[in-house]
Amino acid sequence: MPRFVPSQIIFFLLADMCYQVGGLPLPELNHLELQFLLLNDFRLSVPVEEIEAYGTTLVEFYAREVLAQRAEQAD
């Protein structure tokens, strides 16, 4: 059984809570989080303006993904 340090437990609980409250499936939340990290080159200290721009990009990305999935389901 893997051993978790407290910060890992807290992170897991926050991710779990976010996806439950936000209504996104956990795999989708994980995917969006990875996109966010890639857009930031894994830099965790980012200016607010950059975060806002990336947030907009993520929302647009998610919207395109949803539209693509709906188009696939319609075929």
PDB file of N, CA and C in Angstrom:
ATOM      1  N   MET A   1       0.843  -1.177   0.000  1.00  0.00           N
ATOM      2  CA  MET A   1       0.000   0.000   0.000  1.00  0.00           C
ATOM      3  C   MET A   1       0.891   1.246   0.000  1.00  0.00           C
ATOM      4  N   PRO A   2       0.611   2.205  -0.920  1.00  0.00           N
ATOM      5  CA  PRO A   2       1.470   3.395  -0.961  1.00  0.00           C
ATOM      6  C   PRO A   2       1.314   4.240   0.290  1.00  0.00           C
ATOM      7  N   ARG A   3       2.409   4.874   0.681  1.00  0.00           N
ATOM      8  CA  ARG A   3       2.372   5.787   1.825  1.00  0.00           C
ATOM      9  C   ARG A   3       2.231   7.203   1.298  1.00  0.00           C
ATOM     10  N   PHE A   4       1.294   7.935   1.848  1.00  0.00           N
ATOM     11  CA  PHE A   4       1.071   9.315   1.450  1.00  0.00           C
ATOM     12  C   PHE A   4       1.607  10.240   2.529  1.00  0.00           C
ATOM     13  N   VAL A   5       2.255  11.288   2.099  1.00  0.00           N
ATOM     14  CA  VAL A   5       2.608  12.337   3.045  1.00  0.00           C
ATOM     15  C   VAL A   5       1.395  13.250   3.153  1.00  0.00           C
ATOM     16  N   PRO A   6       1.257  13.999   4.238  1.00  0.00           N
ATOM     17  CA  PRO A   6       0.060  14.825   4.427  1.00  0.00           C
ATOM     18  C   PRO A   6      -0.268  15.731   3.252  1.00  0.00           C
ATOM     19  N   SER A   7       0.729  16.351   2.604  1.00  0.00           N
ATOM     20  CA  SER A   7       0.432  17.243   1.486  1.00  0.00           C
ATOM     21  C   SER A   7      -0.215  16.481   0.337  1.00  0.00           C
ATOM     22  N   GLN A   8       0.185  15.225   0.113  1.00  0.00           N
ATOM     23  CA  GLN A   8      -0.429  14.425  -0.938  1.00  0.00           C
ATOM     24  C   GLN A   8      -1.877  14.100  -0.593  1.00  0.00           C
ATOM     25  N   ILE A   9      -2.150  13.822   0.661  1.00  0.00           N
ATOM     26  CA  ILE A   9      -3.517  13.541   1.082  1.00  0.00           C
ATOM     27  C   ILE A   9      -4.388  14.777   0.899  1.00  0.00           C
ATOM     28  N   ILE A  10      -3.868  15.923   1.323  1.00  0.00           N
ATOM     29  CA  ILE A  10      -4.632  17.167   1.182  1.00  0.00           C
ATOM     30  C   ILE A  10      -4.896  17.443  -0.286  1.00  0.00           C
ATOM     31  N   PHE A  11      -3.896  17.278  -1.154  1.00  0.00           N
ATOM     32  CA  PHE A  11      -4.087  17.524  -2.576  1.00  0.00           C
ATOM     33  C   PHE A  11      -5.147  16.591  -3.136  1.00  0.00           C
ATOM     34  N   PHE A  12      -5.086  15.301  -2.781  1.00  0.00           N
ATOM     35  CA  PHE A  12      -6.080  14.349  -3.268  1.00  0.00           C
ATOM     36  C   PHE A  12      -7.474  14.751  -2.812  1.00  0.00           C
ATOM     37  N   LEU A  13      -7.620  15.115  -1.547  1.00  0.00           N
ATOM     38  CA  LEU A  13      -8.933  15.500  -1.037  1.00  0.00           C
ATOM     39  C   LEU A  13      -9.444  16.753  -1.731  1.00  0.00           C
ATOM     40  N   LEU A  14      -8.562  17.726  -1.987  1.00  0.00           N
ATOM     41  CA  LEU A  14      -8.991  18.932  -2.691  1.00  0.00           C
ATOM     42  C   LEU A  14      -9.439  18.615  -4.107  1.00  0.00           C
ATOM     43  N   ALA A  15      -8.687  17.768  -4.813  1.00  0.00           N
ATOM     44  CA  ALA A  15      -9.067  17.389  -6.177  1.00  0.00           C
ATOM     45  C   ALA A  15     -10.405  16.648  -6.154  1.00  0.00           C
ATOM     46  N   ASP A  16     -10.557  15.735  -5.211  1.00  0.00           N
ATOM     47  CA  ASP A  16     -11.797  14.974  -5.084  1.00  0.00           C
ATOM     48  C   ASP A  16     -12.977  15.910  -4.809  1.00  0.00           C
ATOM     49  N   MET A  17     -12.790  16.853  -3.891  1.00  0.00           N
ATOM     50  CA  MET A  17     -13.851  17.788  -3.550  1.00  0.00           C
ATOM     51  C   MET A  17     -14.178  18.692  -4.737  1.00  0.00           C
ATOM     52  N   CYS A  18     -13.154  19.169  -5.440  1.00  0.00           N
ATOM     53  CA  CYS A  18     -13.372  20.067  -6.572  1.00  0.00           C
ATOM     54  C   CYS A  18     -14.192  19.394  -7.655  1.00  0.00           C
ATOM     55  N   TYR A  19     -13.873  18.143  -7.965  1.00  0.00           N
ATOM     56  CA  TYR A  19     -14.623  17.516  -9.042  1.00  0.00           C
ATOM     57  C   TYR A  19     -16.056  17.203  -8.601  1.00  0.00           C
ATOM     58  N   GLN A  20     -16.266  16.891  -7.333  1.00  0.00           N
ATOM     59  CA  GLN A  20     -17.624  16.629  -6.867  1.00  0.00           C
ATOM     60  C   GLN A  20     -18.459  17.904  -6.842  1.00  0.00           C
ATOM     61  N   VAL A  21     -17.894  18.978  -6.333  1.00  0.00           N
ATOM     62  CA  VAL A  21     -18.616  20.249  -6.235  1.00  0.00           C
ATOM     63  C   VAL A  21     -18.779  20.866  -7.613  1.00  0.00           C
ATOM     64  N   GLY A  22     -17.723  20.799  -8.438  1.00  0.00           N
ATOM     65  CA  GLY A  22     -17.761  21.427  -9.760  1.00  0.00           C
ATOM     66  C   GLY A  22     -18.555  20.653 -10.783  1.00  0.00           C
ATOM     67  N   GLY A  23     -18.806  19.397 -10.541  1.00  0.00           N
ATOM     68  CA  GLY A  23     -19.597  18.601 -11.468  1.00  0.00           C
ATOM     69  C   GLY A  23     -18.795  18.009 -12.618  1.00  0.00           C
ATOM     70  N   LEU A  24     -17.490  18.198 -12.614  1.00  0.00           N
ATOM     71  CA  LEU A  24     -16.666  17.605 -13.664  1.00  0.00           C
ATOM     72  C   LEU A  24     -16.224  16.215 -13.222  1.00  0.00           C
ATOM     73  N   PRO A  25     -16.234  15.262 -14.142  1.00  0.00           N
ATOM     74  CA  PRO A  25     -15.671  13.957 -13.792  1.00  0.00           C
ATOM     75  C   PRO A  25     -14.186  14.118 -13.471  1.00  0.00           C
ATOM     76  N   LEU A  26     -13.686  13.332 -12.552  1.00  0.00           N
ATOM     77  CA  LEU A  26     -12.300  13.443 -12.129  1.00  0.00           C
ATOM     78  C   LEU A  26     -11.320  13.310 -13.297  1.00  0.00           C
ATOM     79  N   PRO A  27     -11.518  12.387 -14.243  1.00  0.00           N
ATOM     80  CA  PRO A  27     -10.579  12.332 -15.378  1.00  0.00           C
ATOM     81  C   PRO A  27     -10.551  13.643 -16.174  1.00  0.00           C
ATOM     82  N   GLU A  28     -11.691  14.290 -16.326  1.00  0.00           N
ATOM     83  CA  GLU A  28     -11.734  15.567 -17.035  1.00  0.00           C
ATOM     84  C   GLU A  28     -11.007  16.652 -16.251  1.00  0.00           C
ATOM     85  N   LEU A  29     -11.202  16.673 -14.936  1.00  0.00           N
ATOM     86  CA  LEU A  29     -10.493  17.633 -14.088  1.00  0.00           C
ATOM     87  C   LEU A  29      -8.982  17.410 -14.181  1.00  0.00           C
ATOM     88  N   ASN A  30      -8.564  16.146 -14.152  1.00  0.00           N
ATOM     89  CA  ASN A  30      -7.143  15.832 -14.273  1.00  0.00           C
ATOM     90  C   ASN A  30      -6.596  16.280 -15.624  1.00  0.00           C
ATOM     91  N   HIS A  31      -7.382  16.078 -16.672  1.00  0.00           N
ATOM     92  CA  HIS A  31      -6.976  16.483 -18.018  1.00  0.00           C
ATOM     93  C   HIS A  31      -6.817  17.999 -18.095  1.00  0.00           C
ATOM     94  N   LEU A  32      -7.775  18.735 -17.552  1.00  0.00           N
ATOM     95  CA  LEU A  32      -7.702  20.194 -17.557  1.00  0.00           C
ATOM     96  C   LEU A  32      -6.528  20.689 -16.719  1.00  0.00           C
ATOM     97  N   GLU A  33      -6.277  20.021 -15.608  1.00  0.00           N
ATOM     98  CA  GLU A  33      -5.146  20.406 -14.769  1.00  0.00           C
ATOM     99  C   GLU A  33      -3.827  20.209 -15.516  1.00  0.00           C
ATOM    100  N   LEU A  34      -3.705  19.096 -16.229  1.00  0.00           N
ATOM    101  CA  LEU A  34      -2.496  18.854 -17.003  1.00  0.00           C
ATOM    102  C   LEU A  34      -2.338  19.909 -18.094  1.00  0.00           C
ATOM    103  N   GLN A  35      -3.440  20.262 -18.761  1.00  0.00           N
ATOM    104  CA  GLN A  35      -3.372  21.311 -19.784  1.00  0.00           C
ATOM    105  C   GLN A  35      -2.898  22.626 -19.164  1.00  0.00           C
ATOM    106  N   PHE A  36      -3.414  22.943 -17.987  1.00  0.00           N
ATOM    107  CA  PHE A  36      -3.014  24.164 -17.285  1.00  0.00           C
ATOM    108  C   PHE A  36      -1.513  24.141 -16.995  1.00  0.00           C
ATOM    109  N   LEU A  37      -1.015  23.020 -16.476  1.00  0.00           N
ATOM    110  CA  LEU A  37       0.407  22.913 -16.162  1.00  0.00           C
ATOM    111  C   LEU A  37       1.266  23.001 -17.417  1.00  0.00           C
ATOM    112  N   LEU A  38       0.820  22.374 -18.508  1.00  0.00           N
ATOM    113  CA  LEU A  38       1.568  22.451 -19.756  1.00  0.00           C
ATOM    114  C   LEU A  38       1.612  23.880 -20.284  1.00  0.00           C
ATOM    115  N   LEU A  39       0.488  24.581 -20.220  1.00  0.00           N
ATOM    116  CA  LEU A  39       0.441  25.972 -20.681  1.00  0.00           C
ATOM    117  C   LEU A  39       1.373  26.862 -19.863  1.00  0.00           C
ATOM    118  N   ASN A  40       1.581  26.512 -18.609  1.00  0.00           N
ATOM    119  CA  ASN A  40       2.443  27.302 -17.718  1.00  0.00           C
ATOM    120  C   ASN A  40       3.863  26.757 -17.651  1.00  0.00           C
ATOM    121  N   ASP A  41       4.193  25.817 -18.526  1.00  0.00           N
ATOM    122  CA  ASP A  41       5.515  25.188 -18.494  1.00  0.00           C
ATOM    123  C   ASP A  41       5.852  24.680 -17.096  1.00  0.00           C
ATOM    124  N   PHE A  42       4.840  24.247 -16.380  1.00  0.00           N
ATOM    125  CA  PHE A  42       4.964  23.711 -15.025  1.00  0.00           C
ATOM    126  C   PHE A  42       5.519  24.735 -14.031  1.00  0.00           C
ATOM    127  N   ARG A  43       5.421  26.017 -14.374  1.00  0.00           N
ATOM    128  CA  ARG A  43       5.790  27.083 -13.443  1.00  0.00           C
ATOM    129  C   ARG A  43       4.584  27.328 -12.550  1.00  0.00           C
ATOM    130  N   LEU A  44       4.767  27.299 -11.254  1.00  0.00           N
ATOM    131  CA  LEU A  44       3.636  27.459 -10.347  1.00  0.00           C
ATOM    132  C   LEU A  44       3.533  28.869  -9.788  1.00  0.00           C
ATOM    133  N   SER A  45       4.472  29.716 -10.131  1.00  0.00           N
ATOM    134  CA  SER A  45       4.396  31.121  -9.751  1.00  0.00           C
ATOM    135  C   SER A  45       4.193  31.917 -11.035  1.00  0.00           C
ATOM    136  N   VAL A  46       2.940  32.263 -11.313  1.00  0.00           N
ATOM    137  CA  VAL A  46       2.575  32.870 -12.579  1.00  0.00           C
ATOM    138  C   VAL A  46       1.819  34.162 -12.298  1.00  0.00           C
ATOM    139  N   PRO A  47       2.086  35.230 -13.075  1.00  0.00           N
ATOM    140  CA  PRO A  47       1.338  36.484 -12.884  1.00  0.00           C
ATOM    141  C   PRO A  47      -0.167  36.280 -13.101  1.00  0.00           C
ATOM    142  N   VAL A  48      -0.962  37.051 -12.384  1.00  0.00           N
ATOM    143  CA  VAL A  48      -2.421  36.928 -12.442  1.00  0.00           C
ATOM    144  C   VAL A  48      -2.933  37.065 -13.877  1.00  0.00           C
ATOM    145  N   GLU A  49      -2.393  38.005 -14.627  1.00  0.00           N
ATOM    146  CA  GLU A  49      -2.854  38.217 -16.011  1.00  0.00           C
ATOM    147  C   GLU A  49      -2.647  36.966 -16.865  1.00  0.00           C
ATOM    148  N   GLU A  50      -1.523  36.286 -16.634  1.00  0.00           N
ATOM    149  CA  GLU A  50      -1.252  35.066 -17.382  1.00  0.00           C
ATOM    150  C   GLU A  50      -2.230  33.959 -16.986  1.00  0.00           C
ATOM    151  N   ILE A  51      -2.514  33.842 -15.703  1.00  0.00           N
ATOM    152  CA  ILE A  51      -3.465  32.825 -15.233  1.00  0.00           C
ATOM    153  C   ILE A  51      -4.843  33.086 -15.829  1.00  0.00           C
ATOM    154  N   GLU A  52      -5.266  34.346 -15.863  1.00  0.00           N
ATOM    155  CA  GLU A  52      -6.567  34.680 -16.450  1.00  0.00           C
ATOM    156  C   GLU A  52      -6.604  34.306 -17.932  1.00  0.00           C
ATOM    157  N   ALA A  53      -5.525  34.601 -18.647  1.00  0.00           N
ATOM    158  CA  ALA A  53      -5.469  34.253 -20.069  1.00  0.00           C
ATOM    159  C   ALA A  53      -5.525  32.740 -20.258  1.00  0.00           C
ATOM    160  N   TYR A  54      -4.784  31.996 -19.427  1.00  0.00           N
ATOM    161  CA  TYR A  54      -4.813  30.542 -19.519  1.00  0.00           C
ATOM    162  C   TYR A  54      -6.183  29.990 -19.140  1.00  0.00           C
ATOM    163  N   GLY A  55      -6.824  30.610 -18.150  1.00  0.00           N
ATOM    164  CA  GLY A  55      -8.177  30.181 -17.773  1.00  0.00           C
ATOM    165  C   GLY A  55      -9.128  30.294 -18.937  1.00  0.00           C
ATOM    166  N   THR A  56      -9.041  31.398 -19.655  1.00  0.00           N
ATOM    167  CA  THR A  56      -9.880  31.591 -20.841  1.00  0.00           C
ATOM    168  C   THR A  56      -9.571  30.519 -21.880  1.00  0.00           C
ATOM    169  N   THR A  57      -8.286  30.240 -22.069  1.00  0.00           N
ATOM    170  CA  THR A  57      -7.879  29.209 -23.035  1.00  0.00           C
ATOM    171  C   THR A  57      -8.420  27.838 -22.628  1.00  0.00           C
ATOM    172  N   LEU A  58      -8.372  27.517 -21.345  1.00  0.00           N
ATOM    173  CA  LEU A  58      -8.881  26.228 -20.868  1.00  0.00           C
ATOM    174  C   LEU A  58     -10.383  26.110 -21.069  1.00  0.00           C
ATOM    175  N   VAL A  59     -11.107  27.189 -20.809  1.00  0.00           N
ATOM    176  CA  VAL A  59     -12.563  27.171 -21.017  1.00  0.00           C
ATOM    177  C   VAL A  59     -12.868  26.936 -22.492  1.00  0.00           C
ATOM    178  N   GLU A  60     -12.140  27.630 -23.364  1.00  0.00           N
ATOM    179  CA  GLU A  60     -12.346  27.448 -24.803  1.00  0.00           C
ATOM    180  C   GLU A  60     -11.987  26.026 -25.229  1.00  0.00           C
ATOM    181  N   PHE A  61     -10.886  25.495 -24.675  1.00  0.00           N
ATOM    182  CA  PHE A  61     -10.474  24.127 -24.972  1.00  0.00           C
ATOM    183  C   PHE A  61     -11.560  23.138 -24.556  1.00  0.00           C
ATOM    184  N   TYR A  62     -12.081  23.319 -23.341  1.00  0.00           N
ATOM    185  CA  TYR A  62     -13.123  22.423 -22.842  1.00  0.00           C
ATOM    186  C   TYR A  62     -14.364  22.495 -23.734  1.00  0.00           C
ATOM    187  N   ALA A  63     -14.741  23.707 -24.134  1.00  0.00           N
ATOM    188  CA  ALA A  63     -15.918  23.873 -24.996  1.00  0.00           C
ATOM    189  C   ALA A  63     -15.708  23.135 -26.321  1.00  0.00           C
ATOM    190  N   ARG A  64     -14.511  23.232 -26.907  1.00  0.00           N
ATOM    191  CA  ARG A  64     -14.226  22.518 -28.157  1.00  0.00           C
ATOM    192  C   ARG A  64     -14.293  21.012 -27.952  1.00  0.00           C
ATOM    193  N   GLU A  65     -13.773  20.536 -26.818  1.00  0.00           N
ATOM    194  CA  GLU A  65     -13.813  19.102 -26.524  1.00  0.00           C
ATOM    195  C   GLU A  65     -15.255  18.599 -26.402  1.00  0.00           C
ATOM    196  N   VAL A  66     -16.082  19.372 -25.709  1.00  0.00           N
ATOM    197  CA  VAL A  66     -17.493  18.987 -25.540  1.00  0.00           C
ATOM    198  C   VAL A  66     -18.189  18.958 -26.893  1.00  0.00           C
ATOM    199  N   LEU A  67     -17.972  19.976 -27.709  1.00  0.00           N
ATOM    200  CA  LEU A  67     -18.587  20.015 -29.042  1.00  0.00           C
ATOM    201  C   LEU A  67     -18.116  18.846 -29.900  1.00  0.00           C
ATOM    202  N   ALA A  68     -16.837  18.520 -29.815  1.00  0.00           N
ATOM    203  CA  ALA A  68     -16.309  17.387 -30.595  1.00  0.00           C
ATOM    204  C   ALA A  68     -16.929  16.079 -30.133  1.00  0.00           C
ATOM    205  N   GLN A  69     -17.086  15.907 -28.826  1.00  0.00           N
ATOM    206  CA  GLN A  69     -17.703  14.673 -28.306  1.00  0.00           C
ATOM    207  C   GLN A  69     -19.158  14.573 -28.739  1.00  0.00           C
ATOM    208  N   ARG A  70     -19.859  15.691 -28.697  1.00  0.00           N
ATOM    209  CA  ARG A  70     -21.267  15.682 -29.127  1.00  0.00           C
ATOM    210  C   ARG A  70     -21.383  15.381 -30.598  1.00  0.00           C
ATOM    211  N   ALA A  71     -20.479  15.906 -31.415  1.00  0.00           N
ATOM    212  CA  ALA A  71     -20.490  15.635 -32.842  1.00  0.00           C
ATOM    213  C   ALA A  71     -20.231  14.152 -33.107  1.00  0.00           C
ATOM    214  N   GLU A  72     -19.292  13.548 -32.347  1.00  0.00           N
ATOM    215  CA  GLU A  72     -19.011  12.125 -32.484  1.00  0.00           C
ATOM    216  C   GLU A  72     -20.221  11.279 -32.099  1.00  0.00           C
ATOM    217  N   GLN A  73     -20.921  11.688 -31.044  1.00  0.00           N
ATOM    218  CA  GLN A  73     -22.089  10.935 -30.584  1.00  0.00           C
ATOM    219  C   GLN A  73     -23.235  11.053 -31.584  1.00  0.00           C
ATOM    220  N   ALA A  74     -23.330  12.172 -32.305  1.00  0.00           N
ATOM    221  CA  ALA A  74     -24.402  12.391 -33.266  1.00  0.00           C
ATOM    222  C   ALA A  74     -24.196  11.552 -34.526  1.00  0.00           C
ATOM    223  N   ASP A  75     -22.926  11.191 -34.794  1.00  0.00           N
ATOM    224  CA  ASP A  75     -22.640  10.409 -36.028  1.00  0.00           C
ATOM    225  C   ASP A  75     -23.061   8.998 -35.903  1.00  0.00           C
TER     226      ASP A  75
END
